[in-house]
């Protein structure tokens, strides 16, 4: 919860997590401070390094504290190793701060698997939430789309997918400002009979429930970037593959454009004329703008920044954490999910049976 008495939101930062830490963490915090003056930061990491970096950031105005630790979770650390041996790491101490009520949110650019495991172990899941999910948003032709799960759960039950739909809709409202989010389940086709049993049962339950949004049915892979819905629901295996494919495709086309405009002097002249338009395109698709994935379903706000981001991207991840705390995201999830679970239990048994045998794709 927010420290309402002082109008302050306290955010714990894993200062040693990420490819370019602690530099981008400190610089990102300074950028975020200008946007969100009510935020107070606690940096967890090497005090000597942080003190030197923080002395250069006048925008922070001493609105921070440092908790020293020389230990960190490395990018290639195994999850089990991080859990056993990372109790005094910057990542674990930052998460502990949320659990102990010393911060309302934690932001880290460190090892994703370790961060999820530590956050789930320390913070636990919210009431009625079986599994947390990784939730993020990215650009589409119509604006932005929220997608979950992006890798936390390889396999999901229909009830997990229903929970994801509720949490994704609340995320879309809180972070993107969508009044009545449109929700779709990712499937191999739009026909009602297609897909696995868990997907078809989840779809039937969602059609029968009153959601914080509008369930429109199935969506396919090309609907994600088309912006056909505001929330795309899927299991973590499929979601992670879809996300990485989209990222790889974007990088490929960016490289194609660079090579094309360097291919001849005429192409280079053409680029000079189109430079303004390409700057707008670059800004619209800049991954830093969409940095900040949330581990939804935990008793505390935990935001994962991309490990290779810069200070601008990290500042945007802090912004996601700020908004989730400010608009009481977890309180909304708790109340909504409890109501949904009661309604799921009241559904007639036939709703929880697959609509029909799956047909060939």
Protein backbone atom coordinates (compact mmCIF):
# COMPACT_ATOMS: atom_id res chain seq x y z
CA UNK A 1 0.00 0.00 0.00
CA UNK A 2 1.00 3.59 -0.53
CA UNK A 3 2.41 5.61 2.36
CA UNK A 4 -0.69 7.83 2.31
CA UNK A 5 0.25 9.88 5.37
CA UNK A 6 3.13 11.45 3.48
CA UNK A 7 1.68 11.09 -0.04
CA UNK A 8 4.77 9.10 -0.90
CA UNK A 9 5.32 5.93 -2.94
CA UNK A 10 8.41 4.03 -1.84
CA UNK A 11 10.15 1.92 -4.48
CA UNK A 12 12.95 -0.56 -3.81
CA UNK A 13 15.51 -0.82 -6.63
CA UNK A 14 17.76 -3.80 -7.29
CA UNK A 15 20.71 -1.58 -8.16
CA UNK A 16 22.98 -4.47 -9.17
CA UNK A 17 20.58 -6.27 -11.54
CA UNK A 18 20.91 -5.98 -15.31
CA UNK A 19 23.60 -5.73 -17.97
CA UNK A 20 24.47 -2.09 -17.25
CA UNK A 21 23.86 -1.82 -13.51
CA UNK A 22 24.24 0.12 -11.35
CA UNK A 23 24.71 3.07 -13.73
CA UNK A 24 21.40 2.82 -15.60
CA UNK A 25 19.50 2.12 -12.38
CA UNK A 26 20.69 5.38 -10.82
CA UNK A 27 20.24 7.40 -14.00
CA UNK A 28 16.82 5.86 -14.61
CA UNK A 29 15.74 6.73 -11.08
CA UNK A 30 16.80 10.34 -11.66
CA UNK A 31 14.67 10.52 -14.81
CA UNK A 32 11.72 8.94 -13.00
CA UNK A 33 12.10 11.39 -10.10
CA UNK A 34 11.41 14.33 -12.41
CA UNK A 35 8.23 12.60 -13.61
CA UNK A 36 7.09 11.35 -10.20
CA UNK A 37 8.25 13.75 -7.46
CA UNK A 38 6.34 11.78 -4.81
CA UNK A 39 8.57 8.70 -5.19
CA UNK A 40 11.27 7.81 -2.69
CA UNK A 41 13.90 5.27 -3.70
CA UNK A 42 15.91 2.74 -1.75
CA UNK A 43 18.91 1.46 -3.69
CA UNK A 44 20.13 -2.03 -2.80
CA UNK A 45 23.72 -2.62 -3.87
CA UNK A 46 27.35 -1.68 -3.44
CA UNK A 47 27.31 1.51 -1.37
CA UNK A 48 30.65 2.85 -2.63
CA UNK A 49 29.63 2.54 -6.30
CA UNK A 50 26.18 3.93 -5.68
CA UNK A 51 27.41 6.91 -3.68
CA UNK A 52 29.67 8.02 -6.54
CA UNK A 53 26.89 7.66 -9.10
CA UNK A 54 24.22 9.30 -6.97
CA UNK A 55 26.42 12.34 -6.27
CA UNK A 56 26.09 13.24 -9.96
CA UNK A 57 22.27 13.11 -9.95
CA UNK A 58 20.96 16.41 -8.63
CA UNK A 59 17.41 15.56 -9.72
CA UNK A 60 17.16 12.97 -6.96
CA UNK A 61 17.57 15.74 -4.34
CA UNK A 62 18.74 13.29 -1.68
CA UNK A 63 15.29 11.67 -1.90
CA UNK A 64 16.76 8.21 -1.47
CA UNK A 65 18.57 5.83 0.83
CA UNK A 66 21.13 3.07 0.25
CA UNK A 67 21.20 -0.42 1.71
CA UNK A 68 24.65 -1.89 1.19
CA UNK A 69 25.34 -5.35 -0.13
CA UNK A 70 28.20 -6.60 -2.25
CA UNK A 71 26.23 -9.66 -3.37
CA UNK A 72 24.22 -9.88 -6.57
CA UNK A 73 22.32 -12.44 -8.63
CA UNK A 74 24.10 -13.01 -11.93
CA UNK A 75 22.32 -13.29 -15.26
CA UNK A 76 23.34 -16.93 -15.72
CA UNK A 77 22.67 -18.07 -12.13
CA UNK A 78 20.36 -21.05 -11.86
CA UNK A 79 17.09 -20.38 -10.04
CA UNK A 80 17.77 -22.95 -7.31
CA UNK A 81 21.25 -21.51 -6.72
CA UNK A 82 19.89 -17.97 -6.48
CA UNK A 83 17.24 -19.04 -3.95
CA UNK A 84 19.72 -20.91 -1.78
CA UNK A 85 22.67 -18.54 -1.93
CA UNK A 86 21.14 -15.16 -2.75
CA UNK A 87 19.60 -14.27 0.61
CA UNK A 88 21.85 -11.21 0.92
CA UNK A 89 21.82 -10.28 -2.75
CA UNK A 90 20.58 -6.88 -3.92
CA UNK A 91 17.60 -8.60 -5.59
CA UNK A 92 16.48 -10.51 -2.51
CA UNK A 93 16.91 -7.57 -0.13
CA UNK A 94 14.88 -5.32 -2.45
CA UNK A 95 12.07 -7.89 -2.52
CA UNK A 96 12.27 -8.25 1.26
CA UNK A 97 11.69 -4.51 1.59
CA UNK A 98 8.25 -4.91 -0.01
CA UNK A 99 7.41 -7.89 2.19
CA UNK A 100 8.47 -5.98 5.32
CA UNK A 101 6.39 -2.92 4.40
CA UNK A 102 9.41 -0.71 3.82
CA UNK A 103 8.51 -0.25 0.13
CA UNK A 104 5.37 -0.53 -1.97
CA UNK A 105 7.10 -1.91 -5.07
CA UNK A 106 10.35 -3.44 -6.28
CA UNK A 107 11.94 -2.95 -9.72
CA UNK A 108 14.77 -5.13 -11.04
CA UNK A 109 16.51 -5.66 -14.37
CA UNK A 110 18.10 -8.85 -13.10
CA UNK A 111 17.72 -12.56 -13.81
CA UNK A 112 14.02 -13.15 -14.67
CA UNK A 113 13.76 -16.69 -13.34
CA UNK A 114 15.47 -15.81 -10.07
CA UNK A 115 13.34 -12.68 -9.64
CA UNK A 116 10.10 -14.61 -10.17
CA UNK A 117 11.16 -17.42 -7.83
CA UNK A 118 12.33 -15.06 -5.09
CA UNK A 119 9.28 -12.82 -5.38
CA UNK A 120 6.90 -15.77 -5.22
CA UNK A 121 8.78 -17.28 -2.26
CA UNK A 122 8.94 -14.03 -0.26
CA UNK A 123 5.76 -12.20 -1.24
CA UNK A 124 3.45 -15.20 -1.83
CA UNK A 125 0.41 -15.08 -4.10
CA UNK A 126 -2.72 -13.04 -3.53
CA UNK A 127 -5.79 -14.81 -2.10
CA UNK A 128 -7.54 -17.03 -4.70
CA UNK A 129 -4.57 -16.76 -7.10
CA UNK A 130 -3.03 -20.15 -7.83
CA UNK A 131 -0.17 -18.94 -10.03
CA UNK A 132 1.37 -15.54 -10.76
CA UNK A 133 1.96 -14.58 -14.39
CA UNK A 134 4.30 -12.29 -16.31
CA UNK A 135 2.33 -9.45 -17.85
CA UNK A 136 3.54 -6.71 -20.23
CA UNK A 137 2.28 -4.50 -23.03
CA UNK A 138 3.60 -3.61 -26.49
CA UNK A 139 2.63 -1.55 -29.55
CA UNK A 140 -0.03 -2.51 -32.06
CA UNK A 141 -1.64 -0.86 -35.07
CA UNK A 142 -4.37 0.52 -32.79
CA UNK A 143 -2.37 1.46 -29.70
CA UNK A 144 -1.09 -0.98 -27.08
CA UNK A 145 -2.01 -4.54 -26.14
CA UNK A 146 -1.47 -6.32 -22.81
CA UNK A 147 -0.36 -9.95 -22.94
CA UNK A 148 0.01 -12.64 -20.29
CA UNK A 149 1.44 -15.09 -19.42
CA UNK A 150 4.84 -14.41 -20.97
CA UNK A 151 6.80 -17.24 -19.44
CA UNK A 152 6.00 -17.97 -15.81
CA UNK A 153 3.69 -20.97 -16.39
CA UNK A 154 4.41 -23.48 -19.15
CA UNK A 155 1.12 -25.29 -18.54
CA UNK A 156 -2.13 -23.73 -17.30
CA UNK A 157 -5.54 -24.90 -16.16
CA UNK A 158 -8.73 -23.22 -17.42
CA UNK A 159 -8.99 -21.48 -14.03
CA UNK A 160 -5.47 -20.08 -14.44
CA UNK A 161 -6.44 -18.62 -17.81
CA UNK A 162 -9.58 -17.09 -16.32
CA UNK A 163 -7.47 -15.47 -13.57
CA UNK A 164 -5.06 -14.15 -16.23
CA UNK A 165 -7.99 -12.59 -18.12
CA UNK A 166 -9.15 -10.74 -15.00
CA UNK A 167 -5.66 -9.58 -14.01
CA UNK A 168 -4.81 -8.55 -17.59
CA UNK A 169 -7.99 -6.47 -17.85
CA UNK A 170 -7.21 -4.65 -14.60
CA UNK A 171 -3.62 -4.06 -15.79
CA UNK A 172 -4.94 -2.57 -19.07
CA UNK A 173 -7.21 -0.24 -17.11
CA UNK A 174 -4.55 0.76 -14.57
CA UNK A 175 -1.51 1.24 -16.83
CA UNK A 176 -3.04 1.95 -20.25
CA UNK A 177 -6.22 3.71 -19.14
CA UNK A 178 -8.56 1.44 -21.12
CA UNK A 179 -12.07 1.85 -19.68
CA UNK A 180 -13.54 -1.48 -20.81
CA UNK A 181 -10.76 -3.75 -22.09
CA UNK A 182 -11.49 -6.28 -24.85
CA UNK A 183 -10.15 -9.71 -23.88
CA UNK A 184 -9.22 -12.59 -26.17
CA UNK A 185 -7.65 -16.03 -25.70
CA UNK A 186 -4.81 -16.88 -28.07
CA UNK A 187 -5.69 -19.95 -30.12
CA UNK A 188 -4.91 -21.71 -33.40
CA UNK A 189 -8.11 -20.44 -34.99
CA UNK A 190 -11.23 -18.40 -34.30
CA UNK A 191 -13.65 -21.33 -34.60
CA UNK A 192 -15.23 -22.42 -31.31
CA UNK A 193 -14.16 -26.08 -31.68
CA UNK A 194 -10.45 -25.39 -32.18
CA UNK A 195 -7.73 -25.57 -29.57
CA UNK A 196 -6.82 -27.60 -26.52
CA UNK A 197 -9.37 -28.59 -23.89
CA UNK A 198 -8.05 -26.10 -21.33
CA UNK A 199 -8.38 -23.23 -23.80
CA UNK A 200 -11.93 -24.17 -24.84
CA UNK A 201 -13.12 -24.65 -21.26
CA UNK A 202 -11.59 -21.29 -20.24
CA UNK A 203 -13.36 -19.62 -23.16
CA UNK A 204 -16.70 -21.11 -22.13
CA UNK A 205 -16.24 -19.94 -18.55
CA UNK A 206 -15.25 -16.44 -19.66
CA UNK A 207 -18.33 -16.20 -21.86
CA UNK A 208 -20.50 -17.08 -18.86
CA UNK A 209 -18.88 -14.64 -16.42
CA UNK A 210 -19.23 -10.91 -15.85
CA UNK A 211 -15.66 -9.66 -16.32
CA UNK A 212 -13.95 -6.30 -15.75
CA UNK A 213 -14.01 -5.97 -19.53
CA UNK A 214 -15.49 -7.66 -22.61
CA UNK A 215 -14.54 -11.19 -23.66
CA UNK A 216 -14.66 -11.42 -27.45
CA UNK A 217 -13.48 -15.02 -27.91
CA UNK A 218 -10.43 -16.44 -29.64
CA UNK A 219 -7.67 -14.46 -31.31
CA UNK A 220 -4.88 -15.71 -33.55
CA UNK A 221 -1.22 -14.72 -33.69
CA UNK A 222 -1.68 -11.94 -36.23
CA UNK A 223 -4.40 -10.37 -34.06
CA UNK A 224 -1.81 -9.49 -31.41
CA UNK A 225 -0.08 -6.75 -33.40
CA UNK A 226 -3.28 -5.84 -35.22
CA UNK A 227 -4.72 -4.66 -31.92
CA UNK A 228 -7.90 -6.72 -32.22
CA UNK A 229 -8.08 -6.88 -28.41
CA UNK A 230 -6.64 -4.99 -25.46
CA UNK A 231 -5.71 -8.15 -23.53
CA UNK A 232 -4.31 -11.39 -24.97
CA UNK A 233 -4.48 -14.40 -22.63
CA UNK A 234 -2.33 -17.50 -23.09
CA UNK A 235 -0.11 -19.96 -21.28
CA UNK A 236 3.51 -19.02 -20.53
CA UNK A 237 5.05 -21.33 -23.13
CA UNK A 238 3.01 -19.91 -26.02
CA UNK A 239 3.24 -16.35 -24.73
CA UNK A 240 7.01 -16.42 -24.41
CA UNK A 241 7.45 -17.88 -27.90
CA UNK A 242 5.11 -15.24 -29.35
CA UNK A 243 6.93 -12.43 -27.54
CA UNK A 244 10.41 -13.54 -28.61
CA UNK A 245 9.21 -14.06 -32.19
CA UNK A 246 7.79 -10.53 -32.28
CA UNK A 247 11.01 -9.08 -30.84
CA UNK A 248 13.13 -10.99 -33.36
CA UNK A 249 10.95 -9.90 -36.27
CA UNK A 250 11.18 -6.25 -35.21
CA UNK A 251 14.99 -6.47 -35.03
CA UNK A 252 15.13 -8.19 -38.42
CA UNK A 253 13.10 -5.49 -40.16
CA UNK A 254 15.13 -2.77 -38.46
CA UNK A 255 18.31 -4.35 -39.81
CA UNK A 256 16.74 -4.74 -43.27
CA UNK A 257 15.94 -1.02 -43.31
CA UNK A 258 19.50 -0.09 -42.33
CA UNK A 259 20.99 -2.28 -45.03
CA UNK A 260 18.54 -1.00 -47.64
CA UNK A 261 19.36 2.66 -47.02
CA UNK A 262 23.08 1.94 -47.13
CA UNK A 263 22.84 -0.03 -50.37
CA UNK A 264 23.38 2.90 -52.74
CA UNK A 265 23.85 6.66 -52.81
CA UNK A 266 20.28 7.08 -54.14
CA UNK A 267 18.96 5.13 -51.18
CA UNK A 268 20.96 7.35 -48.82
CA UNK A 269 19.48 10.46 -50.41
CA UNK A 270 16.02 8.93 -50.06
CA UNK A 271 16.67 8.40 -46.37
CA UNK A 272 17.53 12.08 -45.92
CA UNK A 273 14.11 13.04 -47.27
CA UNK A 274 12.33 10.43 -45.14
CA UNK A 275 14.41 10.96 -41.98
CA UNK A 276 11.66 12.71 -40.01
CA UNK A 277 9.19 9.96 -40.75
CA UNK A 278 11.68 7.28 -39.70
CA UNK A 279 12.32 9.09 -36.42
CA UNK A 280 8.59 8.88 -35.69
CA UNK A 281 8.61 5.19 -36.57
CA UNK A 282 11.61 4.54 -34.32
CA UNK A 283 9.93 6.34 -31.43
CA UNK A 284 6.66 4.40 -31.91
CA UNK A 285 8.44 1.04 -31.85
CA UNK A 286 11.14 1.87 -29.29
CA UNK A 287 11.17 -1.10 -26.85
CA UNK A 288 12.22 1.22 -24.03
CA UNK A 289 8.79 2.82 -24.14
CA UNK A 290 7.17 -0.50 -23.29
CA UNK A 291 9.72 -1.64 -20.73
CA UNK A 292 8.40 -2.98 -17.45
CA UNK A 293 6.76 -6.40 -17.09
CA UNK A 294 4.71 -7.09 -13.98
CA UNK A 295 4.58 -10.33 -12.02
CA UNK A 296 0.81 -10.23 -11.51
CA UNK A 297 -0.85 -12.16 -8.71
CA UNK A 298 1.71 -11.52 -5.95
CA UNK A 299 1.18 -9.79 -2.58
CA UNK A 300 3.24 -6.82 -3.67
CA UNK A 301 4.19 -5.02 -6.86
CA UNK A 302 7.23 -6.57 -8.55
CA UNK A 303 8.26 -5.12 -11.94
CA UNK A 304 10.84 -6.73 -14.21
CA UNK A 305 12.85 -4.41 -16.45
CA UNK A 306 14.59 -5.77 -19.54
CA UNK A 307 18.13 -6.70 -18.59
CA UNK A 308 19.71 -4.88 -21.51
CA UNK A 309 17.75 -1.63 -21.27
CA UNK A 310 19.22 1.82 -20.72
CA UNK A 311 18.27 4.54 -18.24
CA UNK A 312 15.22 5.62 -20.26
CA UNK A 313 13.83 2.10 -20.33
CA UNK A 314 14.50 1.64 -16.62
CA UNK A 315 12.74 4.92 -15.84
CA UNK A 316 9.70 3.62 -17.74
CA UNK A 317 9.74 0.41 -15.67
CA UNK A 318 9.70 2.56 -12.54
CA UNK A 319 6.73 4.41 -14.04
CA UNK A 320 4.83 1.12 -14.38
CA UNK A 321 5.50 0.35 -10.72
CA UNK A 322 4.40 3.86 -9.70
CA UNK A 323 1.07 3.59 -11.52
CA UNK A 324 0.29 0.13 -10.18
CA UNK A 325 0.82 1.31 -6.61
CA UNK A 326 -0.93 4.65 -7.10
CA UNK A 327 -4.10 3.05 -8.49
CA UNK A 328 -4.10 0.19 -5.94
CA UNK A 329 -3.74 -2.50 -8.59
CA UNK A 330 -3.43 -5.41 -6.13
CA UNK A 331 -6.47 -4.33 -4.12
CA UNK A 332 -8.53 -4.32 -7.29
CA UNK A 333 -7.25 -7.77 -8.31
CA UNK A 334 -8.03 -9.26 -4.90
CA UNK A 335 -11.63 -8.08 -4.90
CA UNK A 336 -12.29 -8.93 -8.55
CA UNK A 337 -10.72 -12.40 -8.49
CA UNK A 338 -12.64 -13.37 -5.35
CA UNK A 339 -15.93 -12.48 -7.06
CA UNK A 340 -14.93 -14.33 -10.25
CA UNK A 341 -14.02 -17.48 -8.30
CA UNK A 342 -17.40 -17.46 -6.58
CA UNK A 343 -19.10 -17.18 -9.97
CA UNK A 344 -16.95 -19.96 -11.47
CA UNK A 345 -17.99 -22.30 -8.64
CA UNK A 346 -21.62 -21.47 -9.34
CA UNK A 347 -21.39 -22.29 -13.06
CA UNK A 348 -23.28 -25.41 -14.22
CA UNK A 349 -21.06 -28.50 -14.73
CA UNK A 350 -21.60 -28.56 -18.51
CA UNK A 351 -19.74 -25.23 -18.87
CA UNK A 352 -16.56 -26.93 -17.66
CA UNK A 353 -16.71 -29.59 -20.36
CA UNK A 354 -14.98 -28.91 -23.72
CA UNK A 355 -17.50 -27.65 -26.28
CA UNK A 356 -16.54 -30.28 -28.85
CA UNK A 357 -13.73 -32.49 -29.97
CA UNK A 358 -10.84 -30.49 -31.46
CA UNK A 359 -10.68 -30.45 -35.22
CA UNK A 360 -7.55 -30.54 -37.38
CA UNK A 361 -5.77 -27.25 -37.78
